[in-house]
All heavy atoms as atom14 arrays in JSON, in Angstrom:
{
  "sequence": "AIRAAAGIWRDHPAFPTDEAVVEWVSRLRSEKTD",
  "atom14_mask": [
    [1, 1, 1, 1, 1, 0, 0, 0, 0, 0, 0, 0, 0, 0],
    [1, 1, 1, 1, 1, 1, 1, 1, 0, 0, 0, 0, 0, 0],
    [1, 1, 1, 1, 1, 1, 1, 1, 1, 1, 1, 0, 0, 0],
    [1, 1, 1, 1, 1, 0, 0, 0, 0, 0, 0, 0, 0, 0],
    [1, 1, 1, 1, 1, 0, 0, 0, 0, 0, 0, 0, 0, 0],
    [1, 1, 1, 1, 1, 0, 0, 0, 0, 0, 0, 0, 0, 0],
    [1, 1, 1, 1, 0, 0, 0, 0, 0, 0, 0, 0, 0, 0],
    [1, 1, 1, 1, 1, 1, 1, 1, 0, 0, 0, 0, 0, 0],
    [1, 1, 1, 1, 1, 1, 1, 1, 1, 1, 1, 1, 1, 1],
    [1, 1, 1, 1, 1, 1, 1, 1, 1, 1, 1, 0, 0, 0],
    [1, 1, 1, 1, 1, 1, 1, 1, 0, 0, 0, 0, 0, 0],
    [1, 1, 1, 1, 1, 1, 1, 1, 1, 1, 0, 0, 0, 0],
    [1, 1, 1, 1, 1, 1, 1, 0, 0, 0, 0, 0, 0, 0],
    [1, 1, 1, 1, 1, 0, 0, 0, 0, 0, 0, 0, 0, 0],
    [1, 1, 1, 1, 1, 1, 1, 1, 1, 1, 1, 0, 0, 0],
    [1, 1, 1, 1, 1, 1, 1, 0, 0, 0, 0, 0, 0, 0],
    [1, 1, 1, 1, 1, 1, 1, 0, 0, 0, 0, 0, 0, 0],
    [1, 1, 1, 1, 1, 1, 1, 1, 0, 0, 0, 0, 0, 0],
    [1, 1, 1, 1, 1, 1, 1, 1, 1, 0, 0, 0, 0, 0],
    [1, 1, 1, 1, 1, 0, 0, 0, 0, 0, 0, 0, 0, 0],
    [1, 1, 1, 1, 1, 1, 1, 0, 0, 0, 0, 0, 0, 0],
    [1, 1, 1, 1, 1, 1, 1, 0, 0, 0, 0, 0, 0, 0],
    [1, 1, 1, 1, 1, 1, 1, 1, 1, 0, 0, 0, 0, 0],
    [1, 1, 1, 1, 1, 1, 1, 1, 1, 1, 1, 1, 1, 1],
    [1, 1, 1, 1, 1, 1, 1, 0, 0, 0, 0, 0, 0, 0],
    [1, 1, 1, 1, 1, 1, 0, 0, 0, 0, 0, 0, 0, 0],
    [1, 1, 1, 1, 1, 1, 1, 1, 1, 1, 1, 0, 0, 0],
    [1, 1, 1, 1, 1, 1, 1, 1, 0, 0, 0, 0, 0, 0],
    [1, 1, 1, 1, 1, 1, 1, 1, 1, 1, 1, 0, 0, 0],
    [1, 1, 1, 1, 1, 1, 0, 0, 0, 0, 0, 0, 0, 0],
    [1, 1, 1, 1, 1, 1, 1, 1, 1, 0, 0, 0, 0, 0],
    [1, 1, 1, 1, 1, 1, 1, 1, 1, 0, 0, 0, 0, 0],
    [1, 1, 1, 1, 1, 1, 1, 0, 0, 0, 0, 0, 0, 0],
    [1, 1, 1, 1, 1, 1, 1, 1, 0, 0, 0, 0, 0, 0]
  ],
  "atom14_positions": [
    [[9.31, 15.88, -3.12], [9.59, 14.44, -3.25], [8.3, 13.63, -3.13], [8.09, 12.66, -3.88], [10.6, 14.0, -2.2], [0.0, 0.0, 0.0], [0.0, 0.0, 0.0], [0.0, 0.0, 0.0], [0.0, 0.0, 0.0], [0.0, 0.0, 0.0], [0.0, 0.0, 0.0], [0.0, 0.0, 0.0], [0.0, 0.0, 0.0], [0.0, 0.0, 0.0]],
    [[7.43, 14.03, -2.2], [6.15, 13.34, -2.04], [5.31, 13.48, -3.3], [4.72, 12.51, -3.79], [5.4, 13.87, -0.8], [6.11, 13.41, 0.47], [3.94, 13.44, -0.81], [5.65, 14.13, 1.73], [0.0, 0.0, 0.0], [0.0, 0.0, 0.0], [0.0, 0.0, 0.0], [0.0, 0.0, 0.0], [0.0, 0.0, 0.0], [0.0, 0.0, 0.0]],
    [[5.27, 14.69, -3.84], [4.5, 14.91, -5.07], [5.08, 14.12, -6.24], [4.36, 13.59, -7.07], [4.45, 16.4, -5.39], [3.52, 17.14, -4.47], [3.37, 18.59, -4.86], [2.37, 19.21, -4.0], [2.48, 20.42, -3.5], [3.52, 21.18, -3.81], [1.54, 20.9, -2.71], [0.0, 0.0, 0.0], [0.0, 0.0, 0.0], [0.0, 0.0, 0.0]],
    [[6.41, 14.05, -6.32], [7.06, 13.32, -7.41], [6.77, 11.82, -7.31], [6.69, 11.13, -8.33], [8.57, 13.57, -7.4], [0.0, 0.0, 0.0], [0.0, 0.0, 0.0], [0.0, 0.0, 0.0], [0.0, 0.0, 0.0], [0.0, 0.0, 0.0], [0.0, 0.0, 0.0], [0.0, 0.0, 0.0], [0.0, 0.0, 0.0], [0.0, 0.0, 0.0]],
    [[6.61, 11.32, -6.09], [6.37, 9.89, -5.89], [4.89, 9.52, -5.92], [4.56, 8.34, -5.96], [6.98, 9.45, -4.55], [0.0, 0.0, 0.0], [0.0, 0.0, 0.0], [0.0, 0.0, 0.0], [0.0, 0.0, 0.0], [0.0, 0.0, 0.0], [0.0, 0.0, 0.0], [0.0, 0.0, 0.0], [0.0, 0.0, 0.0], [0.0, 0.0, 0.0]],
    [[4.02, 10.5, -5.94], [2.58, 10.23, -5.91], [2.19, 9.36, -7.1], [2.53, 9.64, -8.24], [1.79, 11.54, -5.93], [0.0, 0.0, 0.0], [0.0, 0.0, 0.0], [0.0, 0.0, 0.0], [0.0, 0.0, 0.0], [0.0, 0.0, 0.0], [0.0, 0.0, 0.0], [0.0, 0.0, 0.0], [0.0, 0.0, 0.0], [0.0, 0.0, 0.0]],
    [[1.49, 8.27, -6.79], [0.99, 7.39, -7.82], [2.0, 6.42, -8.39], [1.69, 5.67, -9.32], [0.0, 0.0, 0.0], [0.0, 0.0, 0.0], [0.0, 0.0, 0.0], [0.0, 0.0, 0.0], [0.0, 0.0, 0.0], [0.0, 0.0, 0.0], [0.0, 0.0, 0.0], [0.0, 0.0, 0.0], [0.0, 0.0, 0.0], [0.0, 0.0, 0.0]],
    [[3.2, 6.4, -7.83], [4.26, 5.57, -8.39], [3.92, 4.07, -8.34], [4.35, 3.3, -9.17], [5.61, 5.88, -7.71], [6.76, 5.42, -8.55], [5.68, 5.29, -6.32], [8.1, 5.99, -8.13], [0.0, 0.0, 0.0], [0.0, 0.0, 0.0], [0.0, 0.0, 0.0], [0.0, 0.0, 0.0], [0.0, 0.0, 0.0], [0.0, 0.0, 0.0]],
    [[3.1, 3.69, -7.35], [2.73, 2.27, -7.22], [1.38, 1.99, -7.89], [0.85, 0.89, -7.78], [2.64, 1.89, -5.75], [3.97, 1.75, -5.1], [4.89, 2.72, -4.87], [4.55, 0.54, -4.62], [6.0, 2.21, -4.27], [5.82, 0.87, -4.09], [4.13, -0.77, -4.56], [6.66, -0.08, -3.52], [4.96, -1.71, -3.98], [6.21, -1.38, -3.48]],
    [[0.83, 2.95, -8.57], [-0.52, 2.83, -9.12], [-0.72, 1.56, -9.95], [-1.75, 0.91, -9.86], [-0.83, 4.04, -9.97], [-2.25, 4.09, -10.44], [-2.55, 5.45, -10.92], [-2.04, 6.35, -9.89], [-2.6, 7.45, -9.48], [-3.69, 7.85, -10.02], [-2.08, 8.19, -8.54], [0.0, 0.0, 0.0], [0.0, 0.0, 0.0], [0.0, 0.0, 0.0]],
    [[0.22, 1.2, -10.77], [0.07, 0.04, -11.65], [0.81, -1.2, -11.15], [1.08, -2.11, -11.91], [0.56, 0.4, -13.06], [-0.27, 1.5, -13.69], [-1.49, 1.52, -13.45], [0.31, 2.36, -14.39], [0.0, 0.0, 0.0], [0.0, 0.0, 0.0], [0.0, 0.0, 0.0], [0.0, 0.0, 0.0], [0.0, 0.0, 0.0], [0.0, 0.0, 0.0]],
    [[1.13, -1.24, -9.86], [1.84, -2.4, -9.3], [0.89, -3.59, -9.22], [-0.23, -3.46, -8.74], [2.39, -2.04, -7.91], [3.41, -3.01, -7.43], [3.08, -4.23, -6.92], [4.76, -2.94, -7.39], [4.17, -4.88, -6.58], [5.21, -4.11, -6.85], [0.0, 0.0, 0.0], [0.0, 0.0, 0.0], [0.0, 0.0, 0.0], [0.0, 0.0, 0.0]],
    [[1.34, -4.76, -9.67], [0.45, -5.93, -9.68], [-0.01, -6.38, -8.28], [-1.05, -7.02, -8.16], [1.28, -7.02, -10.37], [2.69, -6.54, -10.36], [2.65, -5.04, -10.25], [0.0, 0.0, 0.0], [0.0, 0.0, 0.0], [0.0, 0.0, 0.0], [0.0, 0.0, 0.0], [0.0, 0.0, 0.0], [0.0, 0.0, 0.0], [0.0, 0.0, 0.0]],
    [[0.75, -6.05, -7.25], [0.35, -6.47, -5.9], [-0.83, -5.65, -5.38], [-1.48, -6.04, -4.42], [1.53, -6.34, -4.94], [0.0, 0.0, 0.0], [0.0, 0.0, 0.0], [0.0, 0.0, 0.0], [0.0, 0.0, 0.0], [0.0, 0.0, 0.0], [0.0, 0.0, 0.0], [0.0, 0.0, 0.0], [0.0, 0.0, 0.0], [0.0, 0.0, 0.0]],
    [[-1.1, -4.52, -6.02], [-2.17, -3.63, -5.55], [-3.1, -3.25, -6.71], [-3.14, -2.1, -7.14], [-1.57, -2.36, -4.93], [-0.56, -2.66, -3.86], [0.78, -2.34, -4.04], [-0.94, -3.26, -2.67], [1.71, -2.61, -3.05], [-0.01, -3.54, -1.68], [1.31, -3.22, -1.87], [0.0, 0.0, 0.0], [0.0, 0.0, 0.0], [0.0, 0.0, 0.0]],
    [[-3.87, -4.23, -7.2], [-4.72, -3.95, -8.36], [-5.89, -3.01, -8.05], [-6.43, -2.38, -8.96], [-5.22, -5.33, -8.77], [-5.14, -6.15, -7.52], [-3.97, -5.61, -6.75], [0.0, 0.0, 0.0], [0.0, 0.0, 0.0], [0.0, 0.0, 0.0], [0.0, 0.0, 0.0], [0.0, 0.0, 0.0], [0.0, 0.0, 0.0], [0.0, 0.0, 0.0]],
    [[-6.27, -2.91, -6.77], [-7.4, -2.06, -6.4], [-7.06, -1.26, -5.14], [-6.13, -1.61, -4.4], [-8.66, -2.89, -6.1], [-8.4, -3.7, -4.94], [-9.06, -3.77, -7.28], [0.0, 0.0, 0.0], [0.0, 0.0, 0.0], [0.0, 0.0, 0.0], [0.0, 0.0, 0.0], [0.0, 0.0, 0.0], [0.0, 0.0, 0.0], [0.0, 0.0, 0.0]],
    [[-7.84, -0.23, -4.89], [-7.68, 0.54, -3.65], [-7.91, -0.35, -2.44], [-7.25, -0.22, -1.42], [-8.65, 1.73, -3.61], [-8.3, 2.8, -4.63], [-7.18, 2.77, -5.17], [-9.16, 3.67, -4.87], [0.0, 0.0, 0.0], [0.0, 0.0, 0.0], [0.0, 0.0, 0.0], [0.0, 0.0, 0.0], [0.0, 0.0, 0.0], [0.0, 0.0, 0.0]],
    [[-8.86, -1.26, -2.56], [-9.17, -2.17, -1.45], [-7.97, -3.05, -1.12], [-7.73, -3.37, 0.04], [-10.39, -3.03, -1.77], [-11.69, -2.26, -1.85], [-11.86, -1.48, -3.16], [-11.19, -1.8, -4.17], [-12.64, -0.52, -3.15], [0.0, 0.0, 0.0], [0.0, 0.0, 0.0], [0.0, 0.0, 0.0], [0.0, 0.0, 0.0], [0.0, 0.0, 0.0]],
    [[-7.21, -3.46, -2.14], [-6.02, -4.28, -1.92], [-4.98, -3.51, -1.12], [-4.31, -4.07, -0.24], [-5.43, -4.76, -3.24], [0.0, 0.0, 0.0], [0.0, 0.0, 0.0], [0.0, 0.0, 0.0], [0.0, 0.0, 0.0], [0.0, 0.0, 0.0], [0.0, 0.0, 0.0], [0.0, 0.0, 0.0], [0.0, 0.0, 0.0], [0.0, 0.0, 0.0]],
    [[-4.85, -2.22, -1.39], [-3.91, -1.38, -0.65], [-4.36, -1.26, 0.8], [-3.57, -1.42, 1.74], [-3.79, 0.02, -1.28], [-2.93, 0.93, -0.42], [-3.22, -0.08, -2.69], [0.0, 0.0, 0.0], [0.0, 0.0, 0.0], [0.0, 0.0, 0.0], [0.0, 0.0, 0.0], [0.0, 0.0, 0.0], [0.0, 0.0, 0.0], [0.0, 0.0, 0.0]],
    [[-5.65, -1.0, 1.02], [-6.19, -0.88, 2.37], [-5.99, -2.17, 3.15], [-5.58, -2.17, 4.31], [-7.69, -0.48, 2.33], [-8.31, -0.58, 3.71], [-7.85, 0.91, 1.75], [0.0, 0.0, 0.0], [0.0, 0.0, 0.0], [0.0, 0.0, 0.0], [0.0, 0.0, 0.0], [0.0, 0.0, 0.0], [0.0, 0.0, 0.0], [0.0, 0.0, 0.0]],
    [[-6.22, -3.3, 2.51], [-6.03, -4.6, 3.16], [-4.56, -4.8, 3.54], [-4.24, -5.26, 4.64], [-6.49, -5.71, 2.21], [-6.36, -7.11, 2.8], [-6.78, -8.17, 1.8], [-7.79, -7.96, 1.09], [-6.09, -9.2, 1.74], [0.0, 0.0, 0.0], [0.0, 0.0, 0.0], [0.0, 0.0, 0.0], [0.0, 0.0, 0.0], [0.0, 0.0, 0.0]],
    [[-3.64, -4.45, 2.65], [-2.21, -4.6, 2.91], [-1.79, -3.73, 4.09], [-1.09, -4.19, 4.99], [-1.43, -4.23, 1.65], [0.06, -4.28, 1.81], [0.83, -5.39, 1.96], [0.94, -3.16, 1.82], [2.15, -5.03, 2.08], [2.25, -3.67, 2.0], [0.77, -1.8, 1.71], [3.37, -2.85, 2.05], [1.88, -0.97, 1.76], [3.15, -1.5, 1.92]],
    [[-2.23, -2.48, 4.11], [-1.89, -1.58, 5.22], [-2.48, -2.09, 6.52], [-1.8, -2.12, 7.56], [-2.37, -0.13, 4.92], [-2.24, 0.75, 6.15], [-1.6, 0.46, 3.75], [0.0, 0.0, 0.0], [0.0, 0.0, 0.0], [0.0, 0.0, 0.0], [0.0, 0.0, 0.0], [0.0, 0.0, 0.0], [0.0, 0.0, 0.0], [0.0, 0.0, 0.0]],
    [[-3.71, -2.55, 6.5], [-4.35, -3.1, 7.71], [-3.58, -4.3, 8.23], [-3.38, -4.45, 9.44], [-5.79, -3.49, 7.41], [-6.55, -2.36, 7.07], [0.0, 0.0, 0.0], [0.0, 0.0, 0.0], [0.0, 0.0, 0.0], [0.0, 0.0, 0.0], [0.0, 0.0, 0.0], [0.0, 0.0, 0.0], [0.0, 0.0, 0.0], [0.0, 0.0, 0.0]],
    [[-3.15, -5.17, 7.32], [-2.38, -6.35, 7.71], [-1.06, -5.94, 8.36], [-0.66, -6.48, 9.39], [-2.13, -7.22, 6.47], [-2.0, -8.68, 6.77], [-1.98, -9.59, 5.55], [-1.21, -9.1, 4.41], [-1.75, -8.7, 3.25], [-3.04, -8.73, 3.06], [-0.97, -8.28, 2.27], [0.0, 0.0, 0.0], [0.0, 0.0, 0.0], [0.0, 0.0, 0.0]],
    [[-0.37, -4.95, 7.79], [0.89, -4.48, 8.37], [0.67, -3.89, 9.76], [1.45, -4.13, 10.69], [1.53, -3.42, 7.47], [2.21, -3.91, 6.22], [2.71, -2.72, 5.4], [3.34, -4.84, 6.53], [0.0, 0.0, 0.0], [0.0, 0.0, 0.0], [0.0, 0.0, 0.0], [0.0, 0.0, 0.0], [0.0, 0.0, 0.0], [0.0, 0.0, 0.0]],
    [[-0.39, -3.11, 9.91], [-0.66, -2.46, 11.19], [-1.06, -3.46, 12.27], [-0.88, -3.18, 13.46], [-1.75, -1.41, 11.03], [-1.27, -0.21, 10.25], [-2.36, 0.81, 10.09], [-1.85, 2.0, 9.41], [-2.61, 2.95, 8.94], [-3.92, 2.89, 9.07], [-2.08, 3.99, 8.32], [0.0, 0.0, 0.0], [0.0, 0.0, 0.0], [0.0, 0.0, 0.0]],
    [[-1.59, -4.6, 11.89], [-2.03, -5.58, 12.88], [-0.92, -6.54, 13.29], [-1.08, -7.31, 14.23], [-3.22, -6.37, 12.35], [-2.83, -7.2, 11.28], [0.0, 0.0, 0.0], [0.0, 0.0, 0.0], [0.0, 0.0, 0.0], [0.0, 0.0, 0.0], [0.0, 0.0, 0.0], [0.0, 0.0, 0.0], [0.0, 0.0, 0.0], [0.0, 0.0, 0.0]],
    [[0.22, -6.5, 12.6], [1.33, -7.38, 12.95], [1.86, -7.05, 14.33], [1.98, -5.88, 14.71], [2.47, -7.24, 11.94], [2.2, -7.86, 10.6], [3.38, -7.7, 9.65], [4.39, -7.07, 10.03], [3.28, -8.2, 8.53], [0.0, 0.0, 0.0], [0.0, 0.0, 0.0], [0.0, 0.0, 0.0], [0.0, 0.0, 0.0], [0.0, 0.0, 0.0]],
    [[2.18, -8.09, 15.08], [2.83, -7.88, 16.37], [4.31, -7.69, 16.12], [4.91, -8.37, 15.32], [2.58, -9.07, 17.28], [1.13, -9.25, 17.65], [1.02, -10.18, 18.83], [-0.42, -10.47, 19.14], [-1.08, -9.49, 19.91], [0.0, 0.0, 0.0], [0.0, 0.0, 0.0], [0.0, 0.0, 0.0], [0.0, 0.0, 0.0], [0.0, 0.0, 0.0]],
    [[4.87, -6.71, 16.8], [6.3, -6.45, 16.65], [6.99, -6.66, 17.99], [6.38, -6.53, 19.04], [6.58, -5.02, 16.16], [5.96, -4.11, 17.05], [6.0, -4.82, 14.77], [0.0, 0.0, 0.0], [0.0, 0.0, 0.0], [0.0, 0.0, 0.0], [0.0, 0.0, 0.0], [0.0, 0.0, 0.0], [0.0, 0.0, 0.0], [0.0, 0.0, 0.0]],
    [[8.25, -6.99, 17.94], [9.05, -7.19, 19.15], [9.64, -5.85, 19.55], [10.49, -5.31, 18.82], [10.14, -8.2, 18.86], [11.02, -8.48, 20.06], [10.74, -7.94, 21.16], [11.99, -9.24, 19.91], [0.0, 0.0, 0.0], [0.0, 0.0, 0.0], [0.0, 0.0, 0.0], [0.0, 0.0, 0.0], [0.0, 0.0, 0.0], [0.0, 0.0, 0.0]]
  ]
}
């Protein structure tokens, strides 16, 4: 399943570059949760 899903978001407009993905993940990880 992981292999089948690999690259599925590659052409998503929200993530035009690898840096955009890294920034998004960093933002999620820095969120405070209850």
